[in-house]
Amino acid sequence: MSEKSVKFEFEKQNKNSIRFKEIPEEGMPPIIGSLYVQKWFVGESKNIEITINKKS
């Protein structure tokens, strides 16, 4: 199993969700790209981090 943390920053606000864009590691392509998260969960956060577990 491999674990990876991916960081995102605020990009755009919609009616019920907020779009975040991935901050890729230097020299690497994005893993996820853009991500929509519901406003009720995000609140006022401008940065989020997602942890991905890759299983065989």
PDB file of N, CA and C in Angstrom:
ATOM      1  N   MET A   1       0.837  -1.174   0.000  1.00  0.00           N
ATOM      2  CA  MET A   1       0.000   0.000   0.000  1.00  0.00           C
ATOM      3  C   MET A   1       0.884   1.240   0.000  1.00  0.00           C
ATOM      4  N   SER A   2       0.493   2.235  -0.791  1.00  0.00           N
ATOM      5  CA  SER A   2       1.228   3.480  -0.897  1.00  0.00           C
ATOM      6  C   SER A   2       0.302   4.636  -0.530  1.00  0.00           C
ATOM      7  N   GLU A   3       0.809   5.586   0.230  1.00  0.00           N
ATOM      8  CA  GLU A   3       0.001   6.720   0.664  1.00  0.00           C
ATOM      9  C   GLU A   3       0.605   8.017   0.133  1.00  0.00           C
ATOM     10  N   LYS A   4      -0.254   8.933  -0.330  1.00  0.00           N
ATOM     11  CA  LYS A   4       0.206  10.191  -0.909  1.00  0.00           C
ATOM     12  C   LYS A   4      -0.723  11.313  -0.452  1.00  0.00           C
ATOM     13  N   SER A   5      -0.156  12.420   0.012  1.00  0.00           N
ATOM     14  CA  SER A   5      -0.941  13.601   0.367  1.00  0.00           C
ATOM     15  C   SER A   5      -0.860  14.601  -0.769  1.00  0.00           C
ATOM     16  N   VAL A   6      -2.018  15.125  -1.161  1.00  0.00           N
ATOM     17  CA  VAL A   6      -2.107  16.064  -2.274  1.00  0.00           C
ATOM     18  C   VAL A   6      -2.702  17.363  -1.740  1.00  0.00           C
ATOM     19  N   LYS A   7      -2.043  18.484  -2.020  1.00  0.00           N
ATOM     20  CA  LYS A   7      -2.491  19.791  -1.530  1.00  0.00           C
ATOM     21  C   LYS A   7      -3.276  20.528  -2.616  1.00  0.00           C
ATOM     22  N   PHE A   8      -4.285  21.278  -2.168  1.00  0.00           N
ATOM     23  CA  PHE A   8      -5.155  22.042  -3.057  1.00  0.00           C
ATOM     24  C   PHE A   8      -5.322  23.450  -2.528  1.00  0.00           C
ATOM     25  N   GLU A   9      -5.556  24.413  -3.453  1.00  0.00           N
ATOM     26  CA  GLU A   9      -5.841  25.786  -3.060  1.00  0.00           C
ATOM     27  C   GLU A   9      -7.122  26.255  -3.727  1.00  0.00           C
ATOM     28  N   PHE A  10      -7.779  27.226  -3.101  1.00  0.00           N
ATOM     29  CA  PHE A  10      -9.032  27.778  -3.596  1.00  0.00           C
ATOM     30  C   PHE A  10      -8.882  28.250  -5.039  1.00  0.00           C
ATOM     31  N   GLU A  11      -9.874  27.919  -5.872  1.00  0.00           N
ATOM     32  CA  GLU A  11      -9.875  28.370  -7.264  1.00  0.00           C
ATOM     33  C   GLU A  11     -11.138  29.156  -7.587  1.00  0.00           C
ATOM     34  N   LYS A  12     -12.319  28.624  -7.229  1.00  0.00           N
ATOM     35  CA  LYS A  12     -13.581  29.253  -7.630  1.00  0.00           C
ATOM     36  C   LYS A  12     -14.700  28.815  -6.689  1.00  0.00           C
ATOM     37  N   GLN A  13     -15.635  29.731  -6.455  1.00  0.00           N
ATOM     38  CA  GLN A  13     -16.789  29.421  -5.610  1.00  0.00           C
ATOM     39  C   GLN A  13     -18.031  29.314  -6.472  1.00  0.00           C
ATOM     40  N   ASN A  14     -18.818  28.257  -6.253  1.00  0.00           N
ATOM     41  CA  ASN A  14     -20.088  28.053  -6.932  1.00  0.00           C
ATOM     42  C   ASN A  14     -21.209  28.187  -5.906  1.00  0.00           C
ATOM     43  N   LYS A  15     -22.443  27.905  -6.307  1.00  0.00           N
ATOM     44  CA  LYS A  15     -23.578  28.055  -5.408  1.00  0.00           C
ATOM     45  C   LYS A  15     -23.442  27.203  -4.142  1.00  0.00           C
ATOM     46  N   ASN A  16     -23.170  25.915  -4.296  1.00  0.00           N
ATOM     47  CA  ASN A  16     -23.107  25.003  -3.150  1.00  0.00           C
ATOM     48  C   ASN A  16     -21.749  24.352  -2.933  1.00  0.00           C
ATOM     49  N   SER A  17     -20.792  24.647  -3.787  1.00  0.00           N
ATOM     50  CA  SER A  17     -19.486  23.998  -3.663  1.00  0.00           C
ATOM     51  C   SER A  17     -18.354  24.981  -3.979  1.00  0.00           C
ATOM     52  N   ILE A  18     -17.160  24.540  -3.659  1.00  0.00           N
ATOM     53  CA  ILE A  18     -15.955  25.323  -3.939  1.00  0.00           C
ATOM     54  C   ILE A  18     -15.020  24.444  -4.747  1.00  0.00           C
ATOM     55  N   ARG A  19     -14.458  25.013  -5.832  1.00  0.00           N
ATOM     56  CA  ARG A  19     -13.503  24.276  -6.648  1.00  0.00           C
ATOM     57  C   ARG A  19     -12.097  24.613  -6.166  1.00  0.00           C
ATOM     58  N   PHE A  20     -11.324  23.568  -5.957  1.00  0.00           N
ATOM     59  CA  PHE A  20      -9.932  23.707  -5.561  1.00  0.00           C
ATOM     60  C   PHE A  20      -9.050  23.180  -6.681  1.00  0.00           C
ATOM     61  N   LYS A  21      -7.894  23.818  -6.865  1.00  0.00           N
ATOM     62  CA  LYS A  21      -6.943  23.313  -7.859  1.00  0.00           C
ATOM     63  C   LYS A  21      -5.747  22.726  -7.135  1.00  0.00           C
ATOM     64  N   GLU A  22      -5.259  21.649  -7.689  1.00  0.00           N
ATOM     65  CA  GLU A  22      -4.130  20.939  -7.097  1.00  0.00           C
ATOM     66  C   GLU A  22      -2.856  21.758  -7.207  1.00  0.00           C
ATOM     67  N   ILE A  23      -2.028  21.674  -6.188  1.00  0.00           N
ATOM     68  CA  ILE A  23      -0.696  22.264  -6.207  1.00  0.00           C
ATOM     69  C   ILE A  23       0.267  21.095  -6.400  1.00  0.00           C
ATOM     70  N   PRO A  24       0.686  20.831  -7.644  1.00  0.00           N
ATOM     71  CA  PRO A  24       1.549  19.655  -7.880  1.00  0.00           C
ATOM     72  C   PRO A  24       2.960  19.878  -7.326  1.00  0.00           C
ATOM     73  N   GLU A  25       3.610  18.777  -7.019  1.00  0.00           N
ATOM     74  CA  GLU A  25       5.008  18.857  -6.595  1.00  0.00           C
ATOM     75  C   GLU A  25       5.838  19.342  -7.766  1.00  0.00           C
ATOM     76  N   GLU A  26       6.896  20.044  -7.471  1.00  0.00           N
ATOM     77  CA  GLU A  26       7.748  20.610  -8.517  1.00  0.00           C
ATOM     78  C   GLU A  26       8.270  19.515  -9.449  1.00  0.00           C
ATOM     79  N   GLY A  27       8.077  19.717 -10.748  1.00  0.00           N
ATOM     80  CA  GLY A  27       8.551  18.781 -11.759  1.00  0.00           C
ATOM     81  C   GLY A  27       7.633  17.588 -11.993  1.00  0.00           C
ATOM     82  N   MET A  28       6.493  17.551 -11.305  1.00  0.00           N
ATOM     83  CA  MET A  28       5.569  16.424 -11.447  1.00  0.00           C
ATOM     84  C   MET A  28       4.233  16.917 -12.001  1.00  0.00           C
ATOM     85  N   PRO A  29       3.524  16.075 -12.771  1.00  0.00           N
ATOM     86  CA  PRO A  29       2.193  16.451 -13.256  1.00  0.00           C
ATOM     87  C   PRO A  29       1.167  16.308 -12.130  1.00  0.00           C
ATOM     88  N   PRO A  30       0.008  16.967 -12.257  1.00  0.00           N
ATOM     89  CA  PRO A  30      -1.043  16.818 -11.239  1.00  0.00           C
ATOM     90  C   PRO A  30      -1.525  15.370 -11.155  1.00  0.00           C
ATOM     91  N   ILE A  31      -1.921  14.962  -9.964  1.00  0.00           N
ATOM     92  CA  ILE A  31      -2.453  13.615  -9.747  1.00  0.00           C
ATOM     93  C   ILE A  31      -3.966  13.625  -9.918  1.00  0.00           C
ATOM     94  N   ILE A  32      -4.630  14.655  -9.385  1.00  0.00           N
ATOM     95  CA  ILE A  32      -6.087  14.742  -9.416  1.00  0.00           C
ATOM     96  C   ILE A  32      -6.573  15.879 -10.305  1.00  0.00           C
ATOM     97  N   GLY A  33      -5.933  17.030 -10.253  1.00  0.00           N
ATOM     98  CA  GLY A  33      -6.374  18.200 -11.026  1.00  0.00           C
ATOM     99  C   GLY A  33      -7.271  19.069 -10.170  1.00  0.00           C
ATOM    100  N   SER A  34      -8.489  19.324 -10.625  1.00  0.00           N
ATOM    101  CA  SER A  34      -9.451  20.121  -9.861  1.00  0.00           C
ATOM    102  C   SER A  34     -10.357  19.210  -9.050  1.00  0.00           C
ATOM    103  N   LEU A  35     -10.856  19.772  -7.945  1.00  0.00           N
ATOM    104  CA  LEU A  35     -11.678  19.009  -7.021  1.00  0.00           C
ATOM    105  C   LEU A  35     -12.781  19.905  -6.489  1.00  0.00           C
ATOM    106  N   TYR A  36     -14.025  19.430  -6.520  1.00  0.00           N
ATOM    107  CA  TYR A  36     -15.157  20.171  -5.958  1.00  0.00           C
ATOM    108  C   TYR A  36     -15.486  19.607  -4.585  1.00  0.00           C
ATOM    109  N   VAL A  37     -15.628  20.516  -3.597  1.00  0.00           N
ATOM    110  CA  VAL A  37     -15.972  20.122  -2.235  1.00  0.00           C
ATOM    111  C   VAL A  37     -17.147  20.979  -1.783  1.00  0.00           C
ATOM    112  N   GLN A  38     -18.094  20.370  -1.106  1.00  0.00           N
ATOM    113  CA  GLN A  38     -19.285  21.077  -0.652  1.00  0.00           C
ATOM    114  C   GLN A  38     -18.929  22.157   0.379  1.00  0.00           C
ATOM    115  N   LYS A  39     -19.613  23.313   0.252  1.00  0.00           N
ATOM    116  CA  LYS A  39     -19.349  24.449   1.141  1.00  0.00           C
ATOM    117  C   LYS A  39     -19.573  24.110   2.607  1.00  0.00           C
ATOM    118  N   TRP A  40     -20.590  23.289   2.915  1.00  0.00           N
ATOM    119  CA  TRP A  40     -20.889  22.985   4.312  1.00  0.00           C
ATOM    120  C   TRP A  40     -19.706  22.313   4.997  1.00  0.00           C
ATOM    121  N   PHE A  41     -18.871  21.609   4.231  1.00  0.00           N
ATOM    122  CA  PHE A  41     -17.709  20.933   4.806  1.00  0.00           C
ATOM    123  C   PHE A  41     -16.486  21.850   4.850  1.00  0.00           C
ATOM    124  N   VAL A  42     -16.254  22.574   3.772  1.00  0.00           N
ATOM    125  CA  VAL A  42     -15.049  23.403   3.643  1.00  0.00           C
ATOM    126  C   VAL A  42     -15.089  24.634   4.540  1.00  0.00           C
ATOM    127  N   GLY A  43     -16.266  25.252   4.674  1.00  0.00           N
ATOM    128  CA  GLY A  43     -16.359  26.482   5.454  1.00  0.00           C
ATOM    129  C   GLY A  43     -15.575  27.594   4.782  1.00  0.00           C
ATOM    130  N   GLU A  44     -14.702  28.250   5.519  1.00  0.00           N
ATOM    131  CA  GLU A  44     -13.912  29.373   4.993  1.00  0.00           C
ATOM    132  C   GLU A  44     -12.495  28.968   4.578  1.00  0.00           C
ATOM    133  N   SER A  45     -12.193  27.685   4.583  1.00  0.00           N
ATOM    134  CA  SER A  45     -10.831  27.228   4.248  1.00  0.00           C
ATOM    135  C   SER A  45     -10.459  27.567   2.815  1.00  0.00           C
ATOM    136  N   LYS A  46      -9.258  28.047   2.619  1.00  0.00           N
ATOM    137  CA  LYS A  46      -8.740  28.364   1.290  1.00  0.00           C
ATOM    138  C   LYS A  46      -7.747  27.308   0.811  1.00  0.00           C
ATOM    139  N   ASN A  47      -7.336  26.420   1.706  1.00  0.00           N
ATOM    140  CA  ASN A  47      -6.409  25.340   1.375  1.00  0.00           C
ATOM    141  C   ASN A  47      -6.896  24.058   2.028  1.00  0.00           C
ATOM    142  N   ILE A  48      -6.803  22.962   1.286  1.00  0.00           N
ATOM    143  CA  ILE A  48      -7.153  21.652   1.833  1.00  0.00           C
ATOM    144  C   ILE A  48      -6.086  20.644   1.425  1.00  0.00           C
ATOM    145  N   GLU A  49      -6.071  19.519   2.098  1.00  0.00           N
ATOM    146  CA  GLU A  49      -5.129  18.440   1.778  1.00  0.00           C
ATOM    147  C   GLU A  49      -5.889  17.126   1.799  1.00  0.00           C
ATOM    148  N   ILE A  50      -5.697  16.320   0.768  1.00  0.00           N
ATOM    149  CA  ILE A  50      -6.346  15.024   0.623  1.00  0.00           C
ATOM    150  C   ILE A  50      -5.265  13.944   0.672  1.00  0.00           C
ATOM    151  N   THR A  51      -5.528  12.871   1.421  1.00  0.00           N
ATOM    152  CA  THR A  51      -4.591  11.735   1.476  1.00  0.00           C
ATOM    153  C   THR A  51      -5.200  10.582   0.690  1.00  0.00           C
ATOM    154  N   ILE A  52      -4.412  10.022  -0.218  1.00  0.00           N
ATOM    155  CA  ILE A  52      -4.842   8.924  -1.075  1.00  0.00           C
ATOM    156  C   ILE A  52      -4.055   7.670  -0.685  1.00  0.00           C
ATOM    157  N   ASN A  53      -4.784   6.569  -0.486  1.00  0.00           N
ATOM    158  CA  ASN A  53      -4.129   5.278  -0.230  1.00  0.00           C
ATOM    159  C   ASN A  53      -4.290   4.429  -1.473  1.00  0.00           C
ATOM    160  N   LYS A  54      -3.184   4.029  -2.048  1.00  0.00           N
ATOM    161  CA  LYS A  54      -3.194   3.169  -3.236  1.00  0.00           C
ATOM    162  C   LYS A  54      -2.976   1.738  -2.785  1.00  0.00           C
ATOM    163  N   LYS A  55      -3.930   0.861  -3.099  1.00  0.00           N
ATOM    164  CA  LYS A  55      -3.844  -0.532  -2.690  1.00  0.00           C
ATOM    165  C   LYS A  55      -3.652  -1.427  -3.906  1.00  0.00           C
ATOM    166  N   SER A  56      -2.945  -2.505  -3.714  1.00  0.00           N
ATOM    167  CA  SER A  56      -2.677  -3.426  -4.818  1.00  0.00           C
ATOM    168  C   SER A  56      -3.869  -4.282  -5.115  1.00  0.00           C
TER     169      SER A  56
END
